[in-house]
Amino acid sequence: MRDPANSTPPGLCLITNPDQGSGAWGAIASSWPAWSDTPKAIAISPTHLFKSGDTGRARTALVDLDDRTTLFQVVDALRESGVHTVVLADAECFEQTVRACVGAVVLPKSEPPHSLATAIHAVMERQTAFDSVQQELDVSRRFQGGLRGEMDKLHEELQLAASVQQELLPRTLPDVPGAEFGVIFNPAGYVSGDIYDVQRLDEHRLGFFLADAVGHGVPAALMTMVIARGIQFRVHTHEGMDERTPGEALEILNRELVRRHMHSPRFATAMAGTLDTRTREITLAGAGHPPALIYSASGNTRRIASTGGLLGVFEEDTFDDVTFTLGDDETMLLYTDGFETAFPTGSEATHDHKMATRVYEERFERFAQSRHEKGMGAAMESLRYDLNGASGSLHQVDDITALVIGPKPLQAENREAA
């Protein structure tokens, strides 16, 4: 049995007949290969194995039993314990033993001791390599489990961030006489670097804006929260409500962004405006943003350029207001630059869908015509269909947002009045 004074675990567990001692091991040990030390062995009985499952920490077992039923039970117990097993079998039952002892190495007892020693040595060496691989596998599984847990946690946090950002967006767009609105909001990931809003200023006037934080993902999304809180067309003062023009609203927002991001600057573009639904007069100011596009039913296009610089760069930047009237048959689109990569064509679709194209202008023109003919709802669905059908839409390069403003068709107003 094992010597308690020696803490070195045995290399081999001997399971033999009770009256057989160490069985054939003595002759095998004497013939052990000269290039390797003879392993330390511990002898245990089948009864001890069945009761405790203890092999004395040995990872390889040598089984030499006459009773075949006990032999098969021992092999099953060792397999369940993960112990590599070598079985010595008589010649007359060798093939049957091989078939019954699944996973064990079966050797004929009639082999010379040096042949048996060499075979057992090979099994033990294989066990050492197996244990090493098993340890690495266990470490990999623990690492994988930890990584999966972190990924699940990150997934939950991003979903929460997306929910928080959704709360900053208007639940519905205003339903007012004289004007109608449409919006497309397609983040490239969980959260978006784009933000928009349409808010009522009084009974006949509305304020609106569309902003795009440089980049996308969580850093850009965090910046949109500052933008959503910082841009205001009306504020409470001691004298009452103080109204700001779109340009003034952008100036105050710009100063706030510069102040907040002085040591780690982040930038944004934006378009802000007001609409009087009675006259369809729009006042618009831009900060480094793509121009507002205005389409008429006859196919003419107007561009209202963004004259101001990027938000969050220079504290004293100013943003000029431009005032114009939206015609009865016109549609205005404010959009983010994600549309420049939304419709790749030719080599862009084949090789690099990150390359900018101007296909979106054709789709916008088609959208405006569809709105004039079929109404806002059908036109918006058609534009969404075009976006979803574009090459690379499942792996969107950038956030995509568009805000549409147009006069409400007279027939729609009459239906509402009726």
Protein backbone atom coordinates (compact mmCIF):
# COMPACT_ATOMS: atom_id res chain seq x y z
CA MET A 1 0.00 0.00 0.00
CA ARG A 2 0.98 3.66 -0.27
CA ASP A 3 3.65 4.97 2.11
CA PRO A 4 2.20 8.04 3.91
CA ALA A 5 5.69 9.43 4.38
CA ASN A 6 6.16 9.69 0.66
CA SER A 7 3.98 12.39 -0.88
CA THR A 8 4.88 11.47 -4.46
CA PRO A 9 1.73 10.01 -6.08
CA PRO A 10 2.04 6.55 -7.56
CA GLY A 11 2.39 6.28 -11.30
CA LEU A 12 0.52 3.00 -11.52
CA CYS A 13 -2.41 1.37 -9.73
CA LEU A 14 -2.31 -2.47 -9.57
CA ILE A 15 -5.65 -4.29 -9.37
CA THR A 16 -5.12 -8.03 -9.00
CA ASN A 17 -6.65 -11.13 -7.42
CA PRO A 18 -6.57 -10.97 -3.59
CA ASP A 19 -4.26 -13.99 -3.37
CA GLN A 20 -2.04 -12.88 -6.21
CA GLY A 21 -0.17 -9.94 -4.61
CA SER A 22 1.25 -7.67 -7.30
CA GLY A 23 0.63 -10.33 -9.94
CA ALA A 24 2.70 -10.00 -13.09
CA TRP A 25 3.96 -6.57 -12.11
CA GLY A 26 7.15 -7.83 -10.51
CA ALA A 27 8.45 -9.33 -13.76
CA ILE A 28 7.22 -6.33 -15.78
CA ALA A 29 8.92 -3.85 -13.42
CA SER A 30 12.18 -5.78 -13.71
CA SER A 31 11.99 -5.44 -17.49
CA TRP A 32 11.08 -1.74 -17.51
CA PRO A 33 12.75 0.25 -20.34
CA ALA A 34 16.19 1.50 -19.38
CA TRP A 35 15.49 5.03 -20.68
CA SER A 36 12.73 5.59 -18.11
CA ASP A 37 12.45 5.25 -14.34
CA THR A 38 10.30 2.40 -13.11
CA PRO A 39 7.02 3.95 -11.91
CA LYS A 40 5.94 3.78 -8.32
CA ALA A 41 3.01 1.32 -8.00
CA ILE A 42 0.22 0.90 -5.47
CA ALA A 43 -1.89 -2.27 -5.15
CA ILE A 44 -5.60 -2.07 -4.35
CA SER A 45 -8.40 -4.61 -4.39
CA PRO A 46 -11.52 -4.44 -6.57
CA THR A 47 -13.59 -4.11 -3.37
CA HIS A 48 -11.63 -1.00 -2.33
CA LEU A 49 -12.10 0.50 -5.79
CA PHE A 50 -15.85 -0.10 -5.80
CA LYS A 51 -16.31 1.37 -2.31
CA SER A 52 -14.15 4.48 -2.57
CA GLY A 53 -13.21 4.89 -6.22
CA ASP A 54 -9.74 5.75 -4.92
CA THR A 55 -6.75 4.78 -7.06
CA GLY A 56 -4.22 6.53 -4.83
CA ARG A 57 -4.00 9.41 -7.30
CA ALA A 58 -2.57 7.07 -9.94
CA ARG A 59 -3.66 8.04 -13.46
CA THR A 60 -2.95 4.61 -15.02
CA ALA A 61 -4.18 1.21 -13.80
CA LEU A 62 -2.90 -2.29 -14.57
CA VAL A 63 -5.71 -4.85 -14.19
CA ASP A 64 -4.92 -8.56 -13.87
CA LEU A 65 -8.03 -10.45 -12.70
CA ASP A 66 -9.24 -13.98 -13.31
CA ASP A 67 -12.95 -13.36 -12.70
CA ARG A 68 -14.29 -11.87 -15.89
CA THR A 69 -17.37 -10.24 -14.34
CA THR A 70 -15.25 -8.45 -11.77
CA LEU A 71 -12.78 -7.53 -14.51
CA PHE A 72 -15.44 -5.80 -16.60
CA GLN A 73 -16.87 -3.99 -13.55
CA VAL A 74 -13.40 -2.73 -12.63
CA VAL A 75 -12.77 -1.46 -16.18
CA ASP A 76 -16.12 0.39 -16.15
CA ALA A 77 -15.32 1.99 -12.77
CA LEU A 78 -11.87 3.09 -13.94
CA ARG A 79 -13.28 4.55 -17.17
CA GLU A 80 -15.80 6.61 -15.19
CA SER A 81 -12.92 7.89 -13.01
CA GLY A 82 -10.96 8.97 -16.08
CA VAL A 83 -8.10 6.52 -15.36
CA HIS A 84 -6.31 5.01 -18.32
CA THR A 85 -6.48 1.22 -18.05
CA VAL A 86 -4.25 -1.64 -19.22
CA VAL A 87 -5.78 -5.14 -18.98
CA LEU A 88 -3.82 -8.40 -19.02
CA ALA A 89 -5.93 -11.11 -20.65
CA ASP A 90 -5.50 -14.83 -21.23
CA ALA A 91 -5.12 -15.97 -24.83
CA GLU A 92 -8.33 -18.03 -24.90
CA CYS A 93 -10.55 -15.03 -24.03
CA PHE A 94 -8.42 -12.25 -25.50
CA GLU A 95 -10.79 -11.14 -28.32
CA GLN A 96 -13.84 -11.17 -26.05
CA THR A 97 -11.97 -9.08 -23.47
CA VAL A 98 -10.95 -6.58 -26.14
CA ARG A 99 -14.60 -6.16 -27.24
CA ALA A 100 -15.89 -5.85 -23.66
CA CYS A 101 -13.24 -3.49 -22.26
CA VAL A 102 -14.12 -0.39 -24.25
CA GLY A 103 -11.49 2.32 -23.89
CA ALA A 104 -8.91 0.03 -22.26
CA VAL A 105 -5.66 -1.27 -23.73
CA VAL A 106 -5.80 -5.09 -23.65
CA LEU A 107 -2.50 -7.01 -23.72
CA PRO A 108 -2.02 -10.80 -23.82
CA LYS A 109 -0.50 -12.23 -20.65
CA SER A 110 1.62 -14.52 -22.78
CA GLU A 111 3.74 -11.63 -24.05
CA PRO A 112 7.29 -11.41 -22.65
CA PRO A 113 7.63 -9.06 -19.65
CA HIS A 114 9.80 -6.59 -21.59
CA SER A 115 7.12 -6.30 -24.32
CA LEU A 116 4.42 -5.71 -21.69
CA ALA A 117 6.67 -3.16 -19.94
CA THR A 118 7.21 -1.24 -23.19
CA ALA A 119 3.46 -1.20 -23.95
CA ILE A 120 2.50 -0.05 -20.43
CA HIS A 121 5.22 2.63 -20.57
CA ALA A 122 3.70 3.92 -23.83
CA VAL A 123 0.23 4.05 -22.24
CA MET A 124 1.56 6.01 -19.26
CA GLU A 125 3.37 8.46 -21.51
CA ARG A 126 0.16 8.91 -23.46
CA GLN A 127 -1.64 9.53 -20.17
CA THR A 128 0.82 12.30 -19.28
CA ALA A 129 0.21 13.98 -22.62
CA PHE A 130 -3.54 13.47 -22.22
CA ASP A 131 -3.52 15.05 -18.75
CA SER A 132 -1.62 18.05 -20.12
CA VAL A 133 -4.12 18.52 -22.93
CA GLN A 134 -7.01 18.03 -20.48
CA GLN A 135 -5.62 20.73 -18.20
CA GLU A 136 -5.28 23.13 -21.10
CA LEU A 137 -8.81 22.27 -22.19
CA ASP A 138 -10.13 22.92 -18.69
CA VAL A 139 -8.37 26.29 -18.63
CA SER A 140 -9.79 27.11 -22.06
CA ARG A 141 -13.29 26.19 -20.93
CA ARG A 142 -12.99 28.36 -17.83
CA PHE A 143 -11.65 31.20 -19.95
CA GLN A 144 -14.39 30.69 -22.50
CA GLY A 145 -16.99 30.67 -19.76
CA GLY A 146 -15.61 33.88 -18.31
CA LEU A 147 -15.42 35.48 -21.75
CA ARG A 148 -18.96 34.40 -22.54
CA GLY A 149 -20.13 35.87 -19.26
CA GLU A 150 -18.42 39.16 -20.04
CA MET A 151 -19.91 39.17 -23.54
CA ASP A 152 -23.38 38.50 -22.15
CA LYS A 153 -22.89 41.32 -19.66
CA LEU A 154 -21.72 43.66 -22.41
CA HIS A 155 -24.70 42.60 -24.53
CA GLU A 156 -27.10 43.43 -21.70
CA GLU A 157 -25.42 46.79 -21.07
CA LEU A 158 -25.59 47.72 -24.75
CA GLN A 159 -29.24 46.76 -24.89
CA LEU A 160 -29.85 48.97 -21.86
CA ALA A 161 -27.93 51.81 -23.53
CA ALA A 162 -30.08 51.39 -26.65
CA SER A 163 -33.22 51.58 -24.50
CA VAL A 164 -31.97 54.74 -22.80
CA GLN A 165 -31.20 56.33 -26.15
CA GLN A 166 -34.62 55.41 -27.49
CA GLU A 167 -36.12 57.37 -24.60
CA LEU A 168 -34.39 60.50 -25.94
CA LEU A 169 -36.13 60.13 -29.29
CA PRO A 170 -39.70 61.32 -29.81
CA ARG A 171 -42.21 58.49 -29.38
CA THR A 172 -44.36 59.98 -32.14
CA LEU A 173 -43.94 62.85 -34.55
CA PRO A 174 -46.30 65.82 -34.14
CA ASP A 175 -49.62 65.65 -35.96
CA VAL A 176 -50.36 69.25 -36.85
CA PRO A 177 -52.42 71.01 -39.53
CA GLY A 178 -50.42 72.10 -42.54
CA ALA A 179 -47.36 69.86 -42.16
CA GLU A 180 -46.39 66.21 -41.91
CA PHE A 181 -43.20 64.44 -40.87
CA GLY A 182 -41.42 61.17 -41.53
CA VAL A 183 -38.27 59.66 -40.06
CA ILE A 184 -35.83 56.81 -40.65
CA PHE A 185 -33.53 55.88 -37.78
CA ASN A 186 -31.17 52.95 -38.46
CA PRO A 187 -28.25 52.61 -36.00
CA ALA A 188 -25.19 50.73 -37.26
CA GLY A 189 -25.03 48.85 -33.95
CA TYR A 190 -26.86 48.71 -30.66
CA VAL A 191 -26.76 52.48 -30.26
CA SER A 192 -26.48 55.35 -32.68
CA GLY A 193 -24.36 58.46 -33.05
CA ASP A 194 -27.37 60.15 -34.66
CA ILE A 195 -30.12 61.96 -32.78
CA TYR A 196 -33.21 63.87 -33.89
CA ASP A 197 -36.26 65.56 -32.42
CA VAL A 198 -39.36 67.48 -33.42
CA GLN A 199 -41.00 69.53 -30.69
CA ARG A 200 -43.91 71.94 -30.56
CA LEU A 201 -43.03 75.53 -29.65
CA ASP A 202 -46.59 76.87 -29.70
CA GLU A 203 -49.88 76.18 -31.44
CA HIS A 204 -48.50 76.84 -34.93
CA ARG A 205 -44.73 76.58 -34.65
CA LEU A 206 -42.36 73.64 -34.26
CA GLY A 207 -38.66 73.22 -33.66
CA PHE A 208 -36.65 70.35 -35.11
CA PHE A 209 -33.06 69.18 -35.32
CA LEU A 210 -30.95 66.34 -36.65
CA ALA A 211 -27.41 65.78 -35.31
CA ASP A 212 -24.63 63.32 -36.07
CA ALA A 213 -21.81 62.77 -33.57
CA VAL A 214 -18.55 61.94 -35.34
CA GLY A 215 -18.09 58.17 -35.28
CA HIS A 216 -20.67 55.68 -34.06
CA GLY A 217 -21.18 53.22 -31.25
CA VAL A 218 -21.13 53.96 -27.53
CA PRO A 219 -18.84 57.05 -27.51
CA ALA A 220 -20.93 58.76 -30.20
CA ALA A 221 -24.16 57.69 -28.49
CA LEU A 222 -23.03 59.27 -25.21
CA MET A 223 -22.44 62.51 -27.06
CA THR A 224 -25.96 62.44 -28.50
CA MET A 225 -27.28 62.52 -24.94
CA VAL A 226 -25.45 65.81 -24.37
CA ILE A 227 -26.77 67.15 -27.68
CA ALA A 228 -30.37 66.14 -26.92
CA ARG A 229 -30.25 67.94 -23.58
CA GLY A 230 -28.23 70.92 -24.82
CA ILE A 231 -30.20 72.07 -27.84
CA GLN A 232 -33.24 74.12 -26.82
CA PHE A 233 -35.37 76.51 -28.82
CA ARG A 234 -37.18 77.91 -25.77
CA VAL A 235 -35.87 78.41 -22.24
CA HIS A 236 -37.36 79.73 -19.04
CA THR A 237 -36.03 83.10 -17.85
CA HIS A 238 -37.03 85.54 -15.11
CA GLU A 239 -39.07 87.46 -17.71
CA GLY A 240 -40.84 84.31 -18.99
CA MET A 241 -40.06 82.18 -22.02
CA ASP A 242 -37.10 83.23 -24.12
CA GLU A 243 -37.11 81.92 -27.68
CA ARG A 244 -33.92 81.27 -29.60
CA THR A 245 -33.40 81.11 -33.33
CA PRO A 246 -31.92 77.84 -34.67
CA GLY A 247 -28.53 79.54 -35.07
CA GLU A 248 -28.58 80.76 -31.47
CA ALA A 249 -29.59 77.30 -30.23
CA LEU A 250 -26.58 75.81 -32.07
CA GLU A 251 -24.24 78.45 -30.65
CA ILE A 252 -25.23 77.65 -27.07
CA LEU A 253 -24.99 73.91 -27.76
CA ASN A 254 -21.54 74.39 -29.32
CA ARG A 255 -20.23 76.22 -26.26
CA GLU A 256 -21.60 73.46 -24.03
CA LEU A 257 -19.85 70.76 -26.08
CA VAL A 258 -16.53 72.63 -26.04
CA ARG A 259 -16.80 73.08 -22.28
CA ARG A 260 -17.62 69.43 -21.62
CA HIS A 261 -15.02 67.93 -23.95
CA MET A 262 -12.07 70.25 -23.49
CA HIS A 263 -9.59 67.43 -22.67
CA SER A 264 -11.04 64.76 -24.97
CA PRO A 265 -12.69 66.65 -27.81
CA ARG A 266 -15.48 65.01 -29.79
CA PHE A 267 -17.29 66.66 -32.65
CA ALA A 268 -20.74 66.64 -34.19
CA THR A 269 -22.64 68.02 -37.14
CA ALA A 270 -26.21 69.25 -36.95
CA MET A 271 -29.12 70.92 -38.69
CA ALA A 272 -31.65 72.83 -36.57
CA GLY A 273 -34.75 74.68 -37.69
CA THR A 274 -38.18 76.04 -36.91
CA LEU A 275 -41.36 75.67 -38.96
CA ASP A 276 -44.46 77.87 -38.97
CA THR A 277 -47.24 75.56 -40.10
CA ARG A 278 -49.48 78.46 -41.15
CA THR A 279 -47.05 80.02 -43.64
CA ARG A 280 -44.71 77.01 -44.11
CA GLU A 281 -41.86 79.36 -43.37
CA ILE A 282 -38.73 77.54 -42.25
CA THR A 283 -35.70 79.03 -40.52
CA LEU A 284 -32.69 76.74 -40.75
CA ALA A 285 -29.13 76.78 -39.38
CA GLY A 286 -26.41 74.18 -39.93
CA ALA A 287 -23.16 73.10 -38.30
CA GLY A 288 -20.91 71.19 -40.70
CA HIS A 289 -23.86 69.04 -41.76
CA PRO A 290 -24.86 67.80 -45.24
CA PRO A 291 -27.15 70.33 -46.94
CA ALA A 292 -30.90 70.16 -46.59
CA LEU A 293 -32.42 68.90 -49.86
CA ILE A 294 -35.73 70.29 -51.06
CA TYR A 295 -37.51 68.49 -53.91
CA SER A 296 -40.52 69.73 -55.85
CA ALA A 297 -43.07 67.58 -57.62
CA SER A 298 -41.78 68.94 -60.94
CA GLY A 299 -38.30 67.54 -60.25
CA ASN A 300 -36.51 70.75 -59.25
CA THR A 301 -34.07 70.54 -56.33
CA ARG A 302 -32.96 73.21 -53.89
CA ARG A 303 -30.01 72.87 -51.49
CA ILE A 304 -29.79 74.78 -48.23
CA ALA A 305 -26.12 74.61 -47.29
CA SER A 306 -24.77 74.35 -43.77
CA THR A 307 -22.64 77.46 -43.25
CA GLY A 308 -21.38 76.84 -39.70
CA GLY A 309 -18.43 74.73 -38.60
CA LEU A 310 -18.45 71.50 -36.62
CA LEU A 311 -19.97 71.56 -33.17
CA GLY A 312 -17.51 71.18 -30.32
CA VAL A 313 -14.43 72.70 -32.01
CA PHE A 314 -14.30 76.48 -31.55
CA GLU A 315 -16.21 78.03 -28.69
CA GLU A 316 -16.94 81.35 -30.45
CA ASP A 317 -18.30 79.86 -33.69
CA THR A 318 -21.52 81.39 -35.01
CA PHE A 319 -24.22 79.74 -37.08
CA ASP A 320 -26.23 81.78 -39.56
CA ASP A 321 -29.98 81.42 -39.93
CA VAL A 322 -31.53 81.02 -43.37
CA THR A 323 -35.26 81.63 -43.84
CA PHE A 324 -37.31 80.33 -46.76
CA THR A 325 -40.81 79.10 -47.54
CA LEU A 326 -41.60 75.49 -48.37
CA GLY A 327 -43.75 75.27 -51.49
CA ASP A 328 -47.04 73.40 -51.65
CA ASP A 329 -45.49 70.59 -53.68
CA GLU A 330 -42.07 70.49 -51.98
CA THR A 331 -40.47 67.98 -49.62
CA MET A 332 -37.47 68.77 -47.41
CA LEU A 333 -35.05 66.04 -46.30
CA LEU A 334 -32.49 66.38 -43.54
CA TYR A 335 -30.14 63.38 -43.41
CA THR A 336 -26.86 62.16 -41.93
CA ASP A 337 -23.81 61.21 -43.96
CA GLY A 338 -24.49 57.50 -43.44
CA PHE A 339 -26.58 57.71 -46.62
CA GLU A 340 -23.39 58.27 -48.61
CA THR A 341 -22.41 54.63 -48.01
CA ALA A 342 -25.95 53.20 -47.83
CA PHE A 343 -26.27 52.43 -51.56
CA PRO A 344 -22.96 51.00 -52.89
CA THR A 345 -22.83 50.32 -56.61
CA GLY A 346 -20.44 48.59 -59.03
CA SER A 347 -16.96 48.17 -57.57
CA GLU A 348 -18.10 49.65 -54.27
CA ALA A 349 -20.59 46.82 -53.77
CA THR A 350 -18.06 44.20 -54.84
CA HIS A 351 -14.91 45.39 -53.12
CA ASP A 352 -15.48 48.10 -50.55
CA HIS A 353 -18.98 49.20 -49.56
CA LYS A 354 -17.41 51.90 -47.38
CA MET A 355 -16.81 54.08 -50.45
CA ALA A 356 -19.18 57.05 -50.70
CA THR A 357 -21.62 57.35 -53.57
CA ARG A 358 -24.29 59.85 -54.54
CA VAL A 359 -26.91 57.23 -55.28
CA TYR A 360 -28.88 58.42 -52.25
CA GLU A 361 -29.79 61.64 -54.09
CA GLU A 362 -31.56 59.59 -56.77
CA ARG A 363 -33.40 57.62 -54.07
CA PHE A 364 -34.36 60.85 -52.29
CA GLU A 365 -35.71 62.32 -55.52
CA ARG A 366 -37.71 59.15 -56.14
CA PHE A 367 -38.95 59.29 -52.55
CA ALA A 368 -40.14 62.89 -52.93
CA GLN A 369 -42.03 62.01 -56.10
CA SER A 370 -43.59 58.99 -54.39
CA ARG A 371 -44.66 61.14 -51.43
CA HIS A 372 -46.34 63.60 -53.80
CA GLU A 373 -48.19 60.78 -55.58
CA LYS A 374 -48.88 58.22 -52.84
CA GLY A 375 -48.45 60.02 -49.53
CA MET A 376 -45.86 60.10 -46.77
CA GLY A 377 -46.53 56.62 -45.36
CA ALA A 378 -46.12 54.76 -48.65
CA ALA A 379 -43.07 56.80 -49.61
CA MET A 380 -41.35 56.12 -46.29
CA GLU A 381 -41.97 52.38 -46.61
CA SER A 382 -40.50 52.46 -50.12
CA LEU A 383 -37.37 54.25 -48.90
CA ARG A 384 -36.94 51.75 -46.05
CA TYR A 385 -37.32 48.92 -48.56
CA ASP A 386 -34.56 50.44 -50.72
CA LEU A 387 -32.27 50.71 -47.69
CA ASN A 388 -32.90 47.13 -46.58
CA GLY A 389 -32.31 45.84 -50.11
CA ALA A 390 -29.00 47.63 -50.60
CA SER A 391 -25.77 45.65 -50.69
CA GLY A 392 -24.16 45.51 -47.25
CA SER A 393 -27.31 46.57 -45.40
CA LEU A 394 -26.86 43.72 -42.90
CA HIS A 395 -23.41 45.11 -42.02
CA GLN A 396 -24.20 48.80 -42.07
CA VAL A 397 -21.10 50.99 -42.20
CA ASP A 398 -22.53 54.04 -40.45
CA ASP A 399 -25.66 55.19 -38.65
CA ILE A 400 -28.42 56.23 -41.04
CA THR A 401 -31.03 58.85 -40.13
CA ALA A 402 -33.34 61.01 -42.21
CA LEU A 403 -35.96 63.53 -41.14
CA VAL A 404 -38.60 64.48 -43.72
CA ILE A 405 -40.78 67.58 -43.55
CA GLY A 406 -43.45 68.49 -46.07
CA PRO A 407 -46.75 70.33 -46.42
CA LYS A 408 -49.66 68.09 -45.59
CA PRO A 409 -51.65 67.42 -48.78
CA LEU A 410 -54.94 69.31 -48.91
CA GLN A 411 -56.97 66.12 -49.40
CA ALA A 412 -55.46 64.64 -46.23
CA GLU A 413 -56.43 67.73 -44.24
CA ASN A 414 -59.95 67.59 -45.64
CA ARG A 415 -60.26 63.94 -44.64
CA GLU A 416 -59.17 64.79 -41.09
CA ALA A 417 -61.60 67.68 -40.89
CA ALA A 418 -64.44 65.46 -42.06
